[in-house]
């Protein structure tokens, strides 16, 4: 039985992009990759070739927040997972604050408090920034110029999201049983009767 031909070898340009990504300490954008491999390389074409080359393998090339990196194939992640104690779990307030920032960014502290209906304790935003999931996103051009907050690329990578558009919508959350049935019933009542029973 004749030997089956192996995969076609990668071009030098694609191999150069592969090497840069493999050696990078963190995910890289296409422009950053271009700085390493030079102007003569079509980085986007090389990334597409590598993405196809690694599809179905033990590692995949993935894009998160317009930055590229290699990661273990999702179906093999359990082989590499080690049991370890979590040093800190997020409080309910931190989870709610993170969700508000993710869905409404950029958002100020006062806006977060208005949505939650309670004040944020001083350490809540610090914990989220320490985790690398939230960052300051500038100031609003209103009196007092409040600081606003937004999520980071690390947030997207941690939750396996390519962009914020991949966040689940309200219908997804209802289907998963993650919304409080009372909240869902109140929302339905508002839809049927209008705000405050108009």
N, C-alpha and C. Protein backbone atom coordinates (compact mmCIF):
# COMPACT_ATOMS: atom_id res chain seq x y z
N UNK A 1 0.84 -1.17 0.00
CA UNK A 1 0.00 0.00 0.00
C UNK A 1 0.89 1.24 0.00
N UNK A 2 0.71 2.13 -0.99
CA UNK A 2 1.59 3.29 -1.06
C UNK A 2 1.38 4.25 0.10
N UNK A 3 2.46 4.93 0.47
CA UNK A 3 2.34 5.92 1.55
C UNK A 3 1.46 7.06 1.09
N UNK A 4 0.57 7.51 2.01
CA UNK A 4 -0.26 8.65 1.69
C UNK A 4 0.58 9.91 1.83
N UNK A 5 0.37 10.87 0.92
CA UNK A 5 1.16 12.09 1.03
C UNK A 5 0.81 12.84 2.31
N UNK A 6 1.82 13.43 2.93
CA UNK A 6 1.59 14.21 4.15
C UNK A 6 1.05 15.58 3.81
N UNK A 7 0.78 16.38 4.81
CA UNK A 7 0.28 17.72 4.55
C UNK A 7 1.34 18.55 3.83
N UNK A 8 0.87 19.49 3.04
CA UNK A 8 1.81 20.34 2.32
C UNK A 8 2.62 21.15 3.32
N UNK A 9 3.92 21.31 3.02
CA UNK A 9 4.74 22.10 3.96
C UNK A 9 4.29 23.56 3.96
N UNK A 10 4.47 24.20 5.09
CA UNK A 10 4.09 25.60 5.23
C UNK A 10 5.15 26.48 4.59
N UNK A 11 4.72 27.61 4.04
CA UNK A 11 5.67 28.55 3.43
C UNK A 11 6.52 29.18 4.53
N UNK A 12 7.63 29.77 4.12
CA UNK A 12 8.52 30.42 5.09
C UNK A 12 7.81 31.55 5.83
N UNK A 13 6.95 32.29 5.12
CA UNK A 13 6.22 33.40 5.75
C UNK A 13 5.28 32.87 6.83
N UNK A 14 4.55 31.80 6.52
CA UNK A 14 3.62 31.22 7.50
C UNK A 14 4.41 30.65 8.67
N UNK A 15 5.52 30.01 8.40
CA UNK A 15 6.36 29.46 9.48
C UNK A 15 6.89 30.58 10.38
N UNK A 16 7.21 31.73 9.78
CA UNK A 16 7.71 32.85 10.58
C UNK A 16 6.62 33.35 11.53
N UNK A 17 5.39 33.48 11.03
CA UNK A 17 4.27 33.91 11.88
C UNK A 17 4.03 32.87 12.99
N UNK A 18 4.10 31.60 12.63
CA UNK A 18 3.93 30.52 13.60
C UNK A 18 4.98 30.63 14.71
N UNK A 19 6.22 30.87 14.33
CA UNK A 19 7.31 30.96 15.31
C UNK A 19 7.11 32.15 16.25
N UNK A 20 6.68 33.29 15.70
CA UNK A 20 6.45 34.47 16.53
C UNK A 20 5.35 34.19 17.55
N UNK A 21 4.26 33.59 17.10
CA UNK A 21 3.16 33.30 18.01
C UNK A 21 3.56 32.27 19.07
N UNK A 22 4.32 31.27 18.65
CA UNK A 22 4.74 30.23 19.58
C UNK A 22 5.63 30.79 20.69
N UNK A 23 6.50 31.74 20.33
CA UNK A 23 7.45 32.29 21.30
C UNK A 23 6.86 33.44 22.13
N UNK A 24 5.72 33.98 21.72
CA UNK A 24 5.15 35.14 22.42
C UNK A 24 4.67 34.77 23.82
N UNK A 25 4.91 35.68 24.75
CA UNK A 25 4.48 35.47 26.13
C UNK A 25 3.00 35.77 26.32
N UNK A 26 2.42 36.50 25.37
CA UNK A 26 1.00 36.86 25.47
C UNK A 26 0.42 36.93 24.06
N UNK A 27 -0.90 36.95 23.92
CA UNK A 27 -1.52 37.04 22.59
C UNK A 27 -1.05 38.30 21.86
N UNK A 28 -0.94 38.19 20.53
CA UNK A 28 -0.46 39.29 19.71
C UNK A 28 -1.48 39.68 18.66
N UNK A 29 -1.56 40.96 18.36
CA UNK A 29 -2.38 41.45 17.27
C UNK A 29 -1.63 41.30 15.96
N UNK A 30 -2.34 41.39 14.84
CA UNK A 30 -1.73 41.23 13.52
C UNK A 30 -0.63 42.26 13.30
N UNK A 31 -0.82 43.49 13.76
CA UNK A 31 0.20 44.52 13.57
C UNK A 31 1.48 44.19 14.34
N UNK A 32 1.31 43.67 15.56
CA UNK A 32 2.49 43.29 16.36
C UNK A 32 3.25 42.15 15.69
N UNK A 33 2.51 41.19 15.14
CA UNK A 33 3.15 40.08 14.43
C UNK A 33 3.91 40.62 13.23
N UNK A 34 3.28 41.56 12.50
CA UNK A 34 3.90 42.16 11.33
C UNK A 34 5.21 42.85 11.65
N UNK A 35 5.31 43.47 12.84
CA UNK A 35 6.56 44.12 13.26
C UNK A 35 7.69 43.11 13.39
N UNK A 36 7.37 41.88 13.77
CA UNK A 36 8.40 40.85 13.93
C UNK A 36 8.80 40.21 12.62
N UNK A 37 7.83 39.97 11.73
CA UNK A 37 8.13 39.20 10.52
C UNK A 37 8.46 40.06 9.32
N UNK A 38 8.22 41.37 9.39
CA UNK A 38 8.57 42.26 8.30
C UNK A 38 7.41 42.57 7.39
N UNK A 39 7.57 43.61 6.57
CA UNK A 39 6.49 44.11 5.74
C UNK A 39 6.15 43.20 4.57
N UNK A 40 7.07 42.36 4.15
CA UNK A 40 6.81 41.51 2.98
C UNK A 40 5.88 40.35 3.24
N UNK A 41 5.42 40.18 4.48
CA UNK A 41 4.58 39.03 4.84
C UNK A 41 3.13 39.47 4.96
N UNK A 42 2.24 38.73 4.29
CA UNK A 42 0.80 38.95 4.43
C UNK A 42 0.35 38.23 5.71
N UNK A 43 0.35 38.96 6.81
CA UNK A 43 0.09 38.37 8.14
C UNK A 43 -1.30 37.76 8.20
N UNK A 44 -2.30 38.45 7.66
CA UNK A 44 -3.68 37.93 7.74
C UNK A 44 -3.80 36.60 6.99
N UNK A 45 -3.16 36.52 5.82
CA UNK A 45 -3.21 35.26 5.06
C UNK A 45 -2.47 34.16 5.81
N UNK A 46 -1.35 34.52 6.43
CA UNK A 46 -0.57 33.54 7.20
C UNK A 46 -1.37 33.04 8.39
N UNK A 47 -2.08 33.95 9.07
CA UNK A 47 -2.90 33.55 10.22
C UNK A 47 -4.02 32.62 9.77
N UNK A 48 -4.65 32.93 8.64
CA UNK A 48 -5.72 32.07 8.12
C UNK A 48 -5.17 30.69 7.78
N UNK A 49 -3.98 30.64 7.18
CA UNK A 49 -3.35 29.35 6.83
C UNK A 49 -3.04 28.55 8.10
N UNK A 50 -2.52 29.22 9.13
CA UNK A 50 -2.20 28.54 10.38
C UNK A 50 -3.46 28.07 11.10
N UNK A 51 -4.49 28.90 11.07
CA UNK A 51 -5.76 28.52 11.72
C UNK A 51 -6.30 27.24 11.08
N UNK A 52 -6.24 27.17 9.74
CA UNK A 52 -6.70 25.97 9.03
C UNK A 52 -5.78 24.79 9.31
N UNK A 53 -4.47 25.04 9.34
CA UNK A 53 -3.48 23.98 9.58
C UNK A 53 -3.67 23.32 10.94
N UNK A 54 -3.99 24.14 11.95
CA UNK A 54 -4.11 23.61 13.32
C UNK A 54 -5.53 23.17 13.67
N UNK A 55 -6.50 23.39 12.80
CA UNK A 55 -7.87 22.96 13.07
C UNK A 55 -7.90 21.45 13.23
N UNK A 56 -8.55 20.97 14.26
CA UNK A 56 -8.66 19.53 14.49
C UNK A 56 -7.45 18.90 15.15
N UNK A 57 -6.46 19.70 15.51
CA UNK A 57 -5.25 19.16 16.16
C UNK A 57 -5.35 19.35 17.67
N UNK A 58 -4.31 18.97 18.36
CA UNK A 58 -4.30 19.06 19.83
C UNK A 58 -4.21 20.49 20.33
N UNK A 59 -3.65 21.38 19.51
CA UNK A 59 -3.67 22.79 19.83
C UNK A 59 -4.31 23.52 18.65
N UNK A 60 -4.93 24.64 18.94
CA UNK A 60 -5.58 25.45 17.91
C UNK A 60 -5.05 26.86 17.98
N UNK A 61 -5.07 27.54 16.84
CA UNK A 61 -4.77 28.96 16.80
C UNK A 61 -6.11 29.68 16.89
N UNK A 62 -6.25 30.55 17.89
CA UNK A 62 -7.53 31.23 18.11
C UNK A 62 -7.33 32.73 18.20
N UNK A 63 -8.39 33.46 17.86
CA UNK A 63 -8.39 34.91 17.95
C UNK A 63 -9.34 35.32 19.06
N UNK A 64 -8.85 36.13 19.98
CA UNK A 64 -9.64 36.67 21.07
C UNK A 64 -9.37 38.16 21.12
N UNK A 65 -10.40 38.95 20.96
CA UNK A 65 -10.28 40.42 21.02
C UNK A 65 -9.21 40.91 20.04
N UNK A 66 -9.23 40.38 18.83
CA UNK A 66 -8.32 40.77 17.74
C UNK A 66 -6.85 40.48 18.07
N UNK A 67 -6.64 39.54 18.95
CA UNK A 67 -5.27 39.11 19.30
C UNK A 67 -5.23 37.59 19.16
N UNK A 68 -4.12 37.09 18.67
CA UNK A 68 -3.99 35.67 18.33
C UNK A 68 -3.07 34.95 19.31
N UNK A 69 -3.43 33.68 19.60
CA UNK A 69 -2.56 32.83 20.41
C UNK A 69 -2.93 31.36 20.20
N UNK A 70 -2.01 30.49 20.59
CA UNK A 70 -2.27 29.05 20.55
C UNK A 70 -2.90 28.64 21.87
N UNK A 71 -3.86 27.71 21.80
CA UNK A 71 -4.43 27.17 23.03
C UNK A 71 -4.74 25.69 22.82
N UNK A 72 -4.86 24.98 23.91
CA UNK A 72 -5.22 23.57 23.85
C UNK A 72 -6.61 23.42 23.24
N UNK A 73 -6.78 22.42 22.41
CA UNK A 73 -8.10 22.15 21.82
C UNK A 73 -9.10 21.96 22.96
N UNK A 74 -10.29 22.56 22.84
CA UNK A 74 -11.25 22.50 23.94
C UNK A 74 -11.59 21.07 24.40
N UNK A 75 -11.65 20.12 23.46
CA UNK A 75 -12.02 18.76 23.85
C UNK A 75 -10.89 18.02 24.59
N UNK A 76 -9.68 18.60 24.62
CA UNK A 76 -8.56 17.98 25.32
C UNK A 76 -8.17 18.72 26.60
N UNK A 77 -8.84 19.81 26.88
CA UNK A 77 -8.46 20.63 28.04
C UNK A 77 -8.51 19.84 29.34
N UNK A 78 -9.43 18.89 29.43
CA UNK A 78 -9.55 18.11 30.68
C UNK A 78 -8.29 17.28 30.96
N UNK A 79 -7.51 16.94 29.93
CA UNK A 79 -6.28 16.18 30.14
C UNK A 79 -5.21 17.00 30.84
N UNK A 80 -5.27 18.31 30.68
CA UNK A 80 -4.24 19.18 31.22
C UNK A 80 -4.68 19.91 32.48
N UNK A 81 -5.93 19.78 32.81
CA UNK A 81 -6.46 20.49 33.97
C UNK A 81 -5.93 19.84 35.24
N UNK A 82 -5.41 20.64 36.11
CA UNK A 82 -4.93 20.15 37.40
C UNK A 82 -5.86 20.65 38.48
N UNK A 83 -6.10 19.81 39.44
CA UNK A 83 -6.93 20.23 40.56
C UNK A 83 -6.12 21.19 41.42
N UNK A 84 -6.70 22.34 41.71
CA UNK A 84 -6.02 23.28 42.59
C UNK A 84 -7.07 24.07 43.34
N UNK A 85 -6.69 24.53 44.49
CA UNK A 85 -7.60 25.33 45.29
C UNK A 85 -7.66 26.73 44.70
N UNK A 86 -8.86 27.24 44.57
CA UNK A 86 -9.02 28.62 44.12
C UNK A 86 -8.66 29.52 45.29
N UNK A 87 -7.78 30.47 45.03
CA UNK A 87 -7.35 31.33 46.12
C UNK A 87 -8.44 32.31 46.53
N UNK A 88 -9.30 32.68 45.58
CA UNK A 88 -10.35 33.63 45.92
C UNK A 88 -11.51 33.44 44.97
N UNK A 89 -12.71 33.36 45.52
CA UNK A 89 -13.91 33.32 44.69
C UNK A 89 -14.51 34.71 44.69
N UNK A 90 -15.09 35.07 43.57
CA UNK A 90 -15.73 36.38 43.49
C UNK A 90 -17.00 36.40 44.33
N UNK A 91 -17.21 37.50 45.01
CA UNK A 91 -18.45 37.68 45.76
C UNK A 91 -19.59 37.90 44.77
N UNK A 92 -20.80 37.77 45.26
CA UNK A 92 -21.97 38.02 44.40
C UNK A 92 -21.93 39.45 43.87
N UNK A 93 -21.52 40.40 44.73
CA UNK A 93 -21.43 41.81 44.30
C UNK A 93 -20.41 41.96 43.17
N UNK A 94 -19.29 41.25 43.27
CA UNK A 94 -18.26 41.35 42.22
C UNK A 94 -18.76 40.73 40.91
N UNK A 95 -19.46 39.61 41.00
CA UNK A 95 -20.01 38.97 39.80
C UNK A 95 -21.04 39.89 39.14
N UNK A 96 -21.92 40.49 39.95
CA UNK A 96 -22.92 41.41 39.40
C UNK A 96 -22.26 42.62 38.76
N UNK A 97 -21.24 43.15 39.43
CA UNK A 97 -20.52 44.32 38.91
C UNK A 97 -19.82 43.97 37.61
N UNK A 98 -19.18 42.80 37.54
CA UNK A 98 -18.51 42.36 36.32
C UNK A 98 -19.52 42.22 35.18
N UNK A 99 -20.68 41.66 35.46
CA UNK A 99 -21.71 41.49 34.43
C UNK A 99 -22.19 42.85 33.92
N UNK A 100 -22.40 43.78 34.83
CA UNK A 100 -22.85 45.12 34.42
C UNK A 100 -21.80 45.79 33.54
N UNK A 101 -20.54 45.69 33.93
CA UNK A 101 -19.47 46.29 33.12
C UNK A 101 -19.43 45.63 31.75
N UNK A 102 -19.51 44.29 31.71
CA UNK A 102 -19.42 43.58 30.43
C UNK A 102 -20.55 43.96 29.48
N UNK A 103 -21.75 44.11 30.01
CA UNK A 103 -22.91 44.38 29.15
C UNK A 103 -23.11 45.87 28.85
N UNK A 104 -22.54 46.77 29.67
CA UNK A 104 -22.82 48.19 29.51
C UNK A 104 -21.58 49.05 29.29
N UNK A 105 -20.41 48.45 29.15
CA UNK A 105 -19.18 49.25 29.09
C UNK A 105 -19.17 50.24 27.94
N UNK A 106 -18.44 51.35 28.11
CA UNK A 106 -17.81 51.81 29.36
C UNK A 106 -18.87 52.36 30.31
N UNK A 107 -18.71 52.08 31.59
CA UNK A 107 -19.72 52.43 32.57
C UNK A 107 -19.03 52.99 33.82
N UNK A 108 -19.65 54.01 34.42
CA UNK A 108 -19.06 54.63 35.61
C UNK A 108 -19.54 53.92 36.87
N UNK A 109 -18.87 54.20 37.97
CA UNK A 109 -19.25 53.62 39.26
C UNK A 109 -20.70 53.98 39.60
N UNK A 110 -21.09 55.25 39.38
CA UNK A 110 -22.46 55.68 39.70
C UNK A 110 -23.48 54.92 38.84
N UNK A 111 -23.14 54.67 37.57
CA UNK A 111 -24.05 53.92 36.70
C UNK A 111 -24.17 52.47 37.16
N UNK A 112 -23.06 51.88 37.59
CA UNK A 112 -23.09 50.51 38.12
C UNK A 112 -24.01 50.45 39.34
N UNK A 113 -23.84 51.43 40.23
CA UNK A 113 -24.66 51.47 41.45
C UNK A 113 -26.13 51.68 41.11
N UNK A 114 -26.42 52.50 40.11
CA UNK A 114 -27.82 52.73 39.72
C UNK A 114 -28.45 51.45 39.17
N UNK A 115 -27.69 50.68 38.40
CA UNK A 115 -28.21 49.43 37.84
C UNK A 115 -28.39 48.39 38.94
N UNK A 116 -27.40 48.28 39.83
CA UNK A 116 -27.49 47.28 40.92
C UNK A 116 -28.48 47.68 41.99
N UNK A 117 -28.66 49.00 42.17
CA UNK A 117 -29.57 49.47 43.22
C UNK A 117 -28.93 49.57 44.58
N UNK A 118 -27.63 49.31 44.67
CA UNK A 118 -26.90 49.43 45.94
C UNK A 118 -25.50 49.98 45.64
N UNK A 119 -24.86 50.51 46.67
CA UNK A 119 -23.51 51.02 46.50
C UNK A 119 -22.52 49.88 46.34
N UNK A 120 -21.46 50.15 45.61
CA UNK A 120 -20.38 49.17 45.45
C UNK A 120 -19.41 49.36 46.60
N UNK A 121 -19.02 48.29 47.25
CA UNK A 121 -18.02 48.43 48.31
C UNK A 121 -16.68 48.80 47.67
N UNK A 122 -15.81 49.41 48.44
CA UNK A 122 -14.57 49.96 47.90
C UNK A 122 -13.71 48.92 47.20
N UNK A 123 -13.67 47.70 47.70
CA UNK A 123 -12.77 46.70 47.13
C UNK A 123 -13.28 45.95 45.92
N UNK A 124 -14.55 46.08 45.58
CA UNK A 124 -15.13 45.26 44.50
C UNK A 124 -14.44 45.51 43.17
N UNK A 125 -14.32 46.77 42.78
CA UNK A 125 -13.65 47.07 41.51
C UNK A 125 -12.17 46.73 41.57
N UNK A 126 -11.55 46.90 42.75
CA UNK A 126 -10.13 46.55 42.90
C UNK A 126 -9.90 45.06 42.65
N UNK A 127 -10.80 44.22 43.17
CA UNK A 127 -10.69 42.77 42.97
C UNK A 127 -10.77 42.43 41.48
N UNK A 128 -11.71 43.07 40.77
CA UNK A 128 -11.88 42.79 39.34
C UNK A 128 -10.69 43.29 38.53
N UNK A 129 -10.11 44.43 38.94
CA UNK A 129 -8.92 44.93 38.24
C UNK A 129 -7.70 44.06 38.55
N UNK A 130 -7.61 43.60 39.80
CA UNK A 130 -6.51 42.72 40.20
C UNK A 130 -6.56 41.40 39.42
N UNK A 131 -7.77 40.91 39.15
CA UNK A 131 -7.93 39.68 38.37
C UNK A 131 -7.58 39.91 36.90
N UNK A 132 -7.48 41.18 36.50
CA UNK A 132 -7.15 41.50 35.11
C UNK A 132 -8.34 41.49 34.18
N UNK A 133 -9.56 41.52 34.72
CA UNK A 133 -10.77 41.43 33.90
C UNK A 133 -11.39 42.79 33.63
N UNK A 134 -11.04 43.79 34.43
CA UNK A 134 -11.61 45.13 34.30
C UNK A 134 -10.47 46.13 34.29
N UNK A 135 -10.65 47.20 33.51
CA UNK A 135 -9.64 48.25 33.42
C UNK A 135 -10.33 49.61 33.40
N UNK A 136 -9.63 50.67 33.83
CA UNK A 136 -10.18 52.01 33.66
C UNK A 136 -10.26 52.31 32.16
N UNK A 137 -11.35 52.97 31.73
CA UNK A 137 -11.56 53.21 30.30
C UNK A 137 -11.73 54.68 29.99
N UNK A 138 -11.14 55.55 30.80
CA UNK A 138 -11.24 56.98 30.54
C UNK A 138 -12.28 57.64 31.43
N UNK A 139 -12.53 58.91 31.15
CA UNK A 139 -13.47 59.68 31.96
C UNK A 139 -14.61 60.19 31.10
N UNK A 140 -15.82 60.27 31.69
CA UNK A 140 -16.98 60.82 31.00
C UNK A 140 -16.82 62.34 30.93
N UNK A 141 -17.24 62.92 29.83
CA UNK A 141 -17.19 64.37 29.67
C UNK A 141 -18.46 64.99 30.23
N UNK A 142 -18.65 64.82 31.53
CA UNK A 142 -19.78 65.39 32.26
C UNK A 142 -19.23 66.01 33.53
N UNK A 143 -20.01 66.83 34.23
CA UNK A 143 -19.50 67.40 35.48
C UNK A 143 -18.97 66.33 36.42
N UNK A 144 -17.82 66.61 36.99
CA UNK A 144 -17.17 65.65 37.89
C UNK A 144 -16.26 64.69 37.16
N UNK A 145 -16.40 64.58 35.83
CA UNK A 145 -15.61 63.69 34.99
C UNK A 145 -15.36 62.32 35.64
N UNK A 146 -16.43 61.54 35.87
CA UNK A 146 -16.26 60.24 36.53
C UNK A 146 -15.46 59.26 35.67
N UNK A 147 -14.68 58.44 36.33
CA UNK A 147 -13.91 57.40 35.67
C UNK A 147 -14.86 56.30 35.20
N UNK A 148 -14.62 55.77 34.00
CA UNK A 148 -15.44 54.66 33.51
C UNK A 148 -14.61 53.39 33.48
N UNK A 149 -15.29 52.26 33.42
CA UNK A 149 -14.64 50.95 33.45
C UNK A 149 -15.10 50.11 32.27
N UNK A 150 -14.21 49.22 31.81
CA UNK A 150 -14.51 48.31 30.70
C UNK A 150 -13.80 46.99 30.96
N UNK A 151 -14.20 45.97 30.24
CA UNK A 151 -13.55 44.66 30.37
C UNK A 151 -12.26 44.65 29.56
N UNK A 152 -11.43 43.63 29.79
CA UNK A 152 -10.13 43.51 29.13
C UNK A 152 -10.11 42.30 28.19
N UNK A 153 -9.03 42.19 27.44
CA UNK A 153 -8.83 41.01 26.59
C UNK A 153 -8.70 39.75 27.45
N UNK A 154 -8.14 39.89 28.66
CA UNK A 154 -8.02 38.74 29.57
C UNK A 154 -9.40 38.22 29.98
N UNK A 155 -10.36 39.13 30.16
CA UNK A 155 -11.73 38.73 30.47
C UNK A 155 -12.28 37.87 29.34
N UNK A 156 -12.11 38.34 28.09
CA UNK A 156 -12.61 37.58 26.94
C UNK A 156 -11.94 36.22 26.86
N UNK A 157 -10.61 36.20 27.03
CA UNK A 157 -9.87 34.94 26.95
C UNK A 157 -10.30 33.97 28.04
N UNK A 158 -10.47 34.48 29.27
CA UNK A 158 -10.85 33.60 30.39
C UNK A 158 -12.19 32.93 30.16
N UNK A 159 -13.14 33.68 29.58
CA UNK A 159 -14.47 33.14 29.36
C UNK A 159 -14.65 32.58 27.95
N UNK A 160 -13.57 32.50 27.17
CA UNK A 160 -13.64 31.89 25.84
C UNK A 160 -14.47 32.67 24.85
N UNK A 161 -14.44 33.99 24.94
CA UNK A 161 -15.22 34.84 24.05
C UNK A 161 -14.31 35.50 23.02
N UNK A 162 -14.74 35.53 21.78
CA UNK A 162 -13.97 36.23 20.75
C UNK A 162 -14.17 37.73 20.89
N UNK A 163 -15.38 38.15 21.27
CA UNK A 163 -15.68 39.56 21.48
C UNK A 163 -16.88 39.65 22.42
N UNK A 164 -17.21 40.87 22.82
CA UNK A 164 -18.37 41.05 23.71
C UNK A 164 -19.67 40.64 23.05
N UNK A 165 -19.70 40.61 21.72
CA UNK A 165 -20.92 40.18 21.02
C UNK A 165 -21.26 38.72 21.34
N UNK A 166 -20.28 37.95 21.83
CA UNK A 166 -20.51 36.55 22.16
C UNK A 166 -21.12 36.35 23.54
N UNK A 167 -21.30 37.44 24.30
CA UNK A 167 -21.95 37.31 25.61
C UNK A 167 -23.37 36.79 25.41
N UNK A 168 -23.86 35.94 26.31
CA UNK A 168 -25.23 35.42 26.14
C UNK A 168 -26.26 36.53 26.28
N UNK A 169 -27.30 36.44 25.47
CA UNK A 169 -28.41 37.38 25.55
C UNK A 169 -29.42 36.93 26.59
N UNK A 170 -30.45 37.72 26.79
CA UNK A 170 -31.45 37.41 27.82
C UNK A 170 -32.16 36.09 27.54
N UNK A 171 -32.43 35.80 26.25
CA UNK A 171 -33.09 34.54 25.92
C UNK A 171 -32.20 33.35 26.24
N UNK A 172 -30.88 33.50 26.00
CA UNK A 172 -29.93 32.43 26.33
C UNK A 172 -29.90 32.19 27.83
N UNK A 173 -29.90 33.29 28.60
CA UNK A 173 -29.85 33.15 30.06
C UNK A 173 -31.13 32.50 30.60
N UNK A 174 -32.27 32.87 30.02
CA UNK A 174 -33.53 32.24 30.44
C UNK A 174 -33.51 30.75 30.13
N UNK A 175 -33.06 30.40 28.92
CA UNK A 175 -33.04 29.00 28.50
C UNK A 175 -32.13 28.17 29.40
N UNK A 176 -31.06 28.79 29.90
CA UNK A 176 -30.12 28.08 30.77
C UNK A 176 -30.60 28.05 32.22
N UNK A 177 -31.72 28.73 32.51
CA UNK A 177 -32.25 28.74 33.88
C UNK A 177 -31.45 29.63 34.81
N UNK A 178 -30.74 30.61 34.24
CA UNK A 178 -29.89 31.47 35.06
C UNK A 178 -30.57 32.75 35.50
N UNK A 179 -31.77 32.99 35.04
CA UNK A 179 -32.51 34.17 35.49
C UNK A 179 -33.52 33.76 36.54
N UNK A 180 -33.67 34.59 37.53
CA UNK A 180 -34.63 34.36 38.60
C UNK A 180 -36.04 34.35 37.98
N UNK A 181 -36.83 33.30 38.23
CA UNK A 181 -38.18 33.23 37.65
C UNK A 181 -39.04 34.45 38.01
N UNK A 182 -38.84 35.03 39.19
CA UNK A 182 -39.62 36.21 39.58
C UNK A 182 -39.24 37.39 38.69
N UNK A 183 -37.92 37.55 38.44
CA UNK A 183 -37.47 38.62 37.55
C UNK A 183 -38.04 38.43 36.15
N UNK A 184 -38.03 37.19 35.67
CA UNK A 184 -38.55 36.90 34.33
C UNK A 184 -40.05 37.21 34.28
N UNK A 185 -40.80 36.86 35.35
CA UNK A 185 -42.23 37.12 35.39
C UNK A 185 -42.50 38.62 35.43
N UNK A 186 -41.71 39.37 36.20
CA UNK A 186 -41.87 40.82 36.27
C UNK A 186 -41.58 41.45 34.91
N UNK A 187 -40.56 40.96 34.24
CA UNK A 187 -40.23 41.49 32.92
C UNK A 187 -41.38 41.23 31.94
N UNK A 188 -41.96 40.03 32.01
CA UNK A 188 -43.09 39.70 31.14
C UNK A 188 -44.29 40.60 31.45
N UNK A 189 -44.51 40.87 32.73
CA UNK A 189 -45.61 41.74 33.13
C UNK A 189 -45.42 43.15 32.57
N UNK A 190 -44.18 43.65 32.63
CA UNK A 190 -43.89 44.98 32.08
C UNK A 190 -44.12 44.99 30.58
N UNK A 191 -43.74 43.91 29.91
CA UNK A 191 -43.95 43.83 28.46
C UNK A 191 -45.45 43.85 28.11
N UNK A 192 -46.23 43.17 28.96
CA UNK A 192 -47.67 43.07 28.67
C UNK A 192 -48.43 44.34 29.06
N UNK A 193 -48.05 44.97 30.18
CA UNK A 193 -48.84 46.10 30.68
C UNK A 193 -48.16 47.44 30.48
N UNK A 194 -46.89 47.44 30.15
CA UNK A 194 -46.15 48.70 30.02
C UNK A 194 -45.61 49.07 31.39
N UNK A 195 -44.61 49.98 31.42
CA UNK A 195 -44.02 50.39 32.70
C UNK A 195 -45.07 50.96 33.63
N UNK A 196 -45.06 50.51 34.87
CA UNK A 196 -45.94 50.99 35.94
C UNK A 196 -47.40 50.96 35.53
N UNK A 197 -47.77 49.89 34.77
CA UNK A 197 -49.18 49.66 34.46
C UNK A 197 -49.82 50.73 33.61
N UNK A 198 -49.11 51.27 32.62
CA UNK A 198 -49.66 52.31 31.76
C UNK A 198 -50.93 51.85 31.08
